[in-house]
Amino acid sequence: MTDRAAARAAKSVLAARLGADPEVVGVGLARRDSGYVLKVDLADPRAASRVPGDVDGVRVVTEVVGVVRALGPRTA
């Protein structure tokens, strides 16, 4: 079981490691079972091979969500 503080520290390490990868569109925390994991959102499934299975003992999971784009301006 990984607590939230350990997962947050590992998230910082992972975000720095993967930050330049254009296929990584998000890095966050997710609850799994009775603890936390790092969740990496990917634009392309081939990028999963570049994501480590764990960081500082915190398990890493991936999900292919596709390309993330900003929405256009809202109209009232």
N, C-alpha and C. Protein backbone atom coordinates (compact mmCIF):
# COMPACT_ATOMS: atom_id res chain seq x y z
N MET A 1 0.84 -1.18 0.00
CA MET A 1 0.00 0.00 0.00
C MET A 1 0.88 1.24 0.00
N THR A 2 0.60 2.16 -0.90
CA THR A 2 1.35 3.41 -0.99
C THR A 2 0.48 4.54 -0.49
N ASP A 3 1.02 5.34 0.43
CA ASP A 3 0.24 6.47 0.92
C ASP A 3 0.34 7.65 -0.04
N ARG A 4 -0.50 8.62 0.20
CA ARG A 4 -0.60 9.76 -0.71
C ARG A 4 0.69 10.58 -0.76
N ALA A 5 1.35 10.77 0.36
CA ALA A 5 2.58 11.57 0.40
C ALA A 5 3.68 10.92 -0.45
N ALA A 6 3.84 9.61 -0.34
CA ALA A 6 4.85 8.91 -1.14
C ALA A 6 4.51 8.98 -2.62
N ALA A 7 3.23 8.84 -2.94
CA ALA A 7 2.80 8.91 -4.34
C ALA A 7 3.03 10.30 -4.92
N ARG A 8 2.79 11.33 -4.13
CA ARG A 8 3.00 12.70 -4.62
C ARG A 8 4.49 12.97 -4.88
N ALA A 9 5.34 12.47 -4.00
CA ALA A 9 6.78 12.64 -4.21
C ALA A 9 7.23 11.91 -5.47
N ALA A 10 6.75 10.69 -5.67
CA ALA A 10 7.11 9.92 -6.86
C ALA A 10 6.54 10.56 -8.12
N LYS A 11 5.38 11.20 -8.01
CA LYS A 11 4.77 11.88 -9.16
C LYS A 11 5.69 13.00 -9.66
N SER A 12 6.29 13.73 -8.75
CA SER A 12 7.21 14.80 -9.15
C SER A 12 8.39 14.24 -9.93
N VAL A 13 8.92 13.13 -9.48
CA VAL A 13 10.05 12.48 -10.16
C VAL A 13 9.63 12.02 -11.55
N LEU A 14 8.48 11.37 -11.63
CA LEU A 14 8.00 10.84 -12.91
C LEU A 14 7.65 11.96 -13.89
N ALA A 15 7.01 13.01 -13.40
CA ALA A 15 6.65 14.12 -14.28
C ALA A 15 7.90 14.78 -14.86
N ALA A 16 8.95 14.89 -14.07
CA ALA A 16 10.20 15.46 -14.58
C ALA A 16 10.83 14.55 -15.62
N ARG A 17 10.72 13.25 -15.40
CA ARG A 17 11.31 12.28 -16.33
C ARG A 17 10.57 12.21 -17.65
N LEU A 18 9.25 12.33 -17.62
CA LEU A 18 8.45 12.16 -18.84
C LEU A 18 7.96 13.48 -19.44
N GLY A 19 8.29 14.59 -18.81
CA GLY A 19 7.75 15.89 -19.22
C GLY A 19 8.00 16.27 -20.66
N ALA A 20 9.10 15.84 -21.24
CA ALA A 20 9.43 16.23 -22.62
C ALA A 20 8.84 15.28 -23.66
N ASP A 21 8.21 14.20 -23.22
CA ASP A 21 7.66 13.22 -24.15
C ASP A 21 6.31 13.71 -24.67
N PRO A 22 6.18 14.00 -25.97
CA PRO A 22 4.92 14.54 -26.50
C PRO A 22 3.77 13.54 -26.46
N GLU A 23 4.06 12.26 -26.29
CA GLU A 23 3.00 11.25 -26.23
C GLU A 23 2.42 11.11 -24.82
N VAL A 24 3.06 11.71 -23.83
CA VAL A 24 2.55 11.71 -22.45
C VAL A 24 1.71 12.97 -22.29
N VAL A 25 0.41 12.78 -22.07
CA VAL A 25 -0.49 13.93 -21.99
C VAL A 25 -0.96 14.22 -20.57
N GLY A 26 -0.55 13.40 -19.61
CA GLY A 26 -0.92 13.66 -18.23
C GLY A 26 -0.25 12.71 -17.27
N VAL A 27 0.07 13.22 -16.08
CA VAL A 27 0.63 12.40 -15.00
C VAL A 27 -0.12 12.78 -13.73
N GLY A 28 -0.68 11.80 -13.06
CA GLY A 28 -1.45 12.10 -11.86
C GLY A 28 -1.46 10.95 -10.89
N LEU A 29 -2.25 11.09 -9.83
CA LEU A 29 -2.43 10.05 -8.83
C LEU A 29 -3.79 9.40 -9.03
N ALA A 30 -3.87 8.12 -8.70
CA ALA A 30 -5.15 7.41 -8.74
C ALA A 30 -5.22 6.46 -7.56
N ARG A 31 -6.40 6.27 -7.04
CA ARG A 31 -6.59 5.30 -5.95
C ARG A 31 -6.77 3.92 -6.55
N ARG A 32 -6.05 2.98 -6.01
CA ARG A 32 -6.19 1.58 -6.40
C ARG A 32 -6.13 0.75 -5.12
N ASP A 33 -7.06 -0.15 -4.98
CA ASP A 33 -7.14 -1.00 -3.80
C ASP A 33 -7.14 -0.12 -2.55
N SER A 34 -6.15 -0.26 -1.71
CA SER A 34 -6.14 0.52 -0.47
C SER A 34 -5.04 1.58 -0.45
N GLY A 35 -4.55 1.96 -1.64
CA GLY A 35 -3.48 2.95 -1.69
C GLY A 35 -3.54 3.76 -2.97
N TYR A 36 -2.40 4.33 -3.32
CA TYR A 36 -2.30 5.18 -4.50
C TYR A 36 -1.31 4.61 -5.50
N VAL A 37 -1.55 4.91 -6.77
CA VAL A 37 -0.63 4.60 -7.86
C VAL A 37 -0.43 5.88 -8.66
N LEU A 38 0.59 5.88 -9.51
CA LEU A 38 0.77 6.97 -10.46
C LEU A 38 0.08 6.57 -11.76
N LYS A 39 -0.69 7.49 -12.33
CA LYS A 39 -1.40 7.21 -13.57
C LYS A 39 -0.85 8.12 -14.66
N VAL A 40 -0.42 7.51 -15.75
CA VAL A 40 0.12 8.25 -16.89
C VAL A 40 -0.85 8.11 -18.05
N ASP A 41 -1.35 9.24 -18.53
CA ASP A 41 -2.25 9.27 -19.69
C ASP A 41 -1.41 9.45 -20.94
N LEU A 42 -1.68 8.60 -21.94
CA LEU A 42 -0.88 8.59 -23.17
C LEU A 42 -1.73 8.92 -24.39
N ALA A 43 -1.10 9.56 -25.36
CA ALA A 43 -1.76 9.85 -26.63
C ALA A 43 -1.70 8.64 -27.55
N ASP A 44 -0.68 7.81 -27.40
CA ASP A 44 -0.45 6.68 -28.30
C ASP A 44 0.00 5.47 -27.48
N PRO A 45 -0.55 4.29 -27.72
CA PRO A 45 -0.18 3.12 -26.92
C PRO A 45 1.29 2.72 -27.04
N ARG A 46 1.95 3.09 -28.12
CA ARG A 46 3.37 2.73 -28.27
C ARG A 46 4.25 3.43 -27.24
N ALA A 47 3.78 4.52 -26.67
CA ALA A 47 4.56 5.26 -25.66
C ALA A 47 4.64 4.51 -24.34
N ALA A 48 3.79 3.52 -24.12
CA ALA A 48 3.78 2.79 -22.85
C ALA A 48 5.12 2.12 -22.56
N SER A 49 5.85 1.77 -23.60
CA SER A 49 7.15 1.11 -23.38
C SER A 49 8.17 2.06 -22.77
N ARG A 50 7.93 3.35 -22.81
CA ARG A 50 8.86 4.33 -22.24
C ARG A 50 8.50 4.71 -20.80
N VAL A 51 7.41 4.17 -20.30
CA VAL A 51 6.96 4.49 -18.94
C VAL A 51 7.42 3.38 -18.00
N PRO A 52 8.10 3.75 -16.90
CA PRO A 52 8.57 2.72 -15.96
C PRO A 52 7.39 2.07 -15.24
N GLY A 53 7.60 0.86 -14.76
CA GLY A 53 6.56 0.13 -14.02
C GLY A 53 6.36 0.63 -12.61
N ASP A 54 7.40 1.25 -12.06
CA ASP A 54 7.28 1.87 -10.74
C ASP A 54 8.33 2.97 -10.60
N VAL A 55 8.05 3.87 -9.68
CA VAL A 55 8.97 4.96 -9.37
C VAL A 55 9.08 5.03 -7.85
N ASP A 56 10.26 4.83 -7.35
CA ASP A 56 10.50 4.87 -5.90
C ASP A 56 9.53 3.97 -5.15
N GLY A 57 9.23 2.81 -5.72
CA GLY A 57 8.35 1.84 -5.07
C GLY A 57 6.87 2.08 -5.28
N VAL A 58 6.50 3.12 -6.03
CA VAL A 58 5.09 3.41 -6.31
C VAL A 58 4.76 2.86 -7.69
N ARG A 59 3.73 2.02 -7.77
CA ARG A 59 3.33 1.41 -9.03
C ARG A 59 2.83 2.45 -10.01
N VAL A 60 3.17 2.26 -11.29
CA VAL A 60 2.74 3.18 -12.36
C VAL A 60 1.81 2.42 -13.29
N VAL A 61 0.66 3.01 -13.59
CA VAL A 61 -0.28 2.44 -14.55
C VAL A 61 -0.44 3.43 -15.70
N THR A 62 -0.77 2.91 -16.88
CA THR A 62 -0.96 3.78 -18.04
C THR A 62 -2.37 3.61 -18.59
N GLU A 63 -2.83 4.65 -19.25
CA GLU A 63 -4.11 4.60 -19.95
C GLU A 63 -3.98 5.42 -21.22
N VAL A 64 -4.40 4.86 -22.33
CA VAL A 64 -4.37 5.59 -23.60
C VAL A 64 -5.66 6.39 -23.68
N VAL A 65 -5.51 7.73 -23.69
CA VAL A 65 -6.67 8.63 -23.73
C VAL A 65 -6.73 9.39 -25.03
N GLY A 66 -5.69 9.28 -25.84
CA GLY A 66 -5.65 10.00 -27.11
C GLY A 66 -5.06 11.39 -26.94
N VAL A 67 -5.09 12.13 -28.02
CA VAL A 67 -4.53 13.48 -28.01
C VAL A 67 -5.45 14.40 -27.21
N VAL A 68 -4.86 15.23 -26.39
CA VAL A 68 -5.63 16.18 -25.58
C VAL A 68 -5.48 17.56 -26.22
N ARG A 69 -6.61 18.19 -26.46
CA ARG A 69 -6.61 19.53 -27.07
C ARG A 69 -7.43 20.47 -26.20
N ALA A 70 -7.06 21.72 -26.20
CA ALA A 70 -7.83 22.73 -25.48
C ALA A 70 -9.15 22.97 -26.19
N LEU A 71 -10.17 23.21 -25.41
CA LEU A 71 -11.45 23.56 -26.00
C LEU A 71 -11.41 25.00 -26.49
N GLY A 72 -12.26 25.33 -27.43
CA GLY A 72 -12.35 26.70 -27.91
C GLY A 72 -12.95 27.59 -26.83
N PRO A 73 -13.00 28.85 -27.08
CA PRO A 73 -13.56 29.77 -26.08
C PRO A 73 -15.03 29.47 -25.83
N ARG A 74 -15.45 29.65 -24.61
CA ARG A 74 -16.85 29.43 -24.25
C ARG A 74 -17.70 30.61 -24.69
N THR A 75 -18.88 30.30 -25.11
CA THR A 75 -19.83 31.38 -25.43
C THR A 75 -20.93 31.35 -24.39
N ALA A 76 -21.40 32.48 -24.02
CA ALA A 76 -22.40 32.58 -22.95
C ALA A 76 -23.76 32.20 -23.39
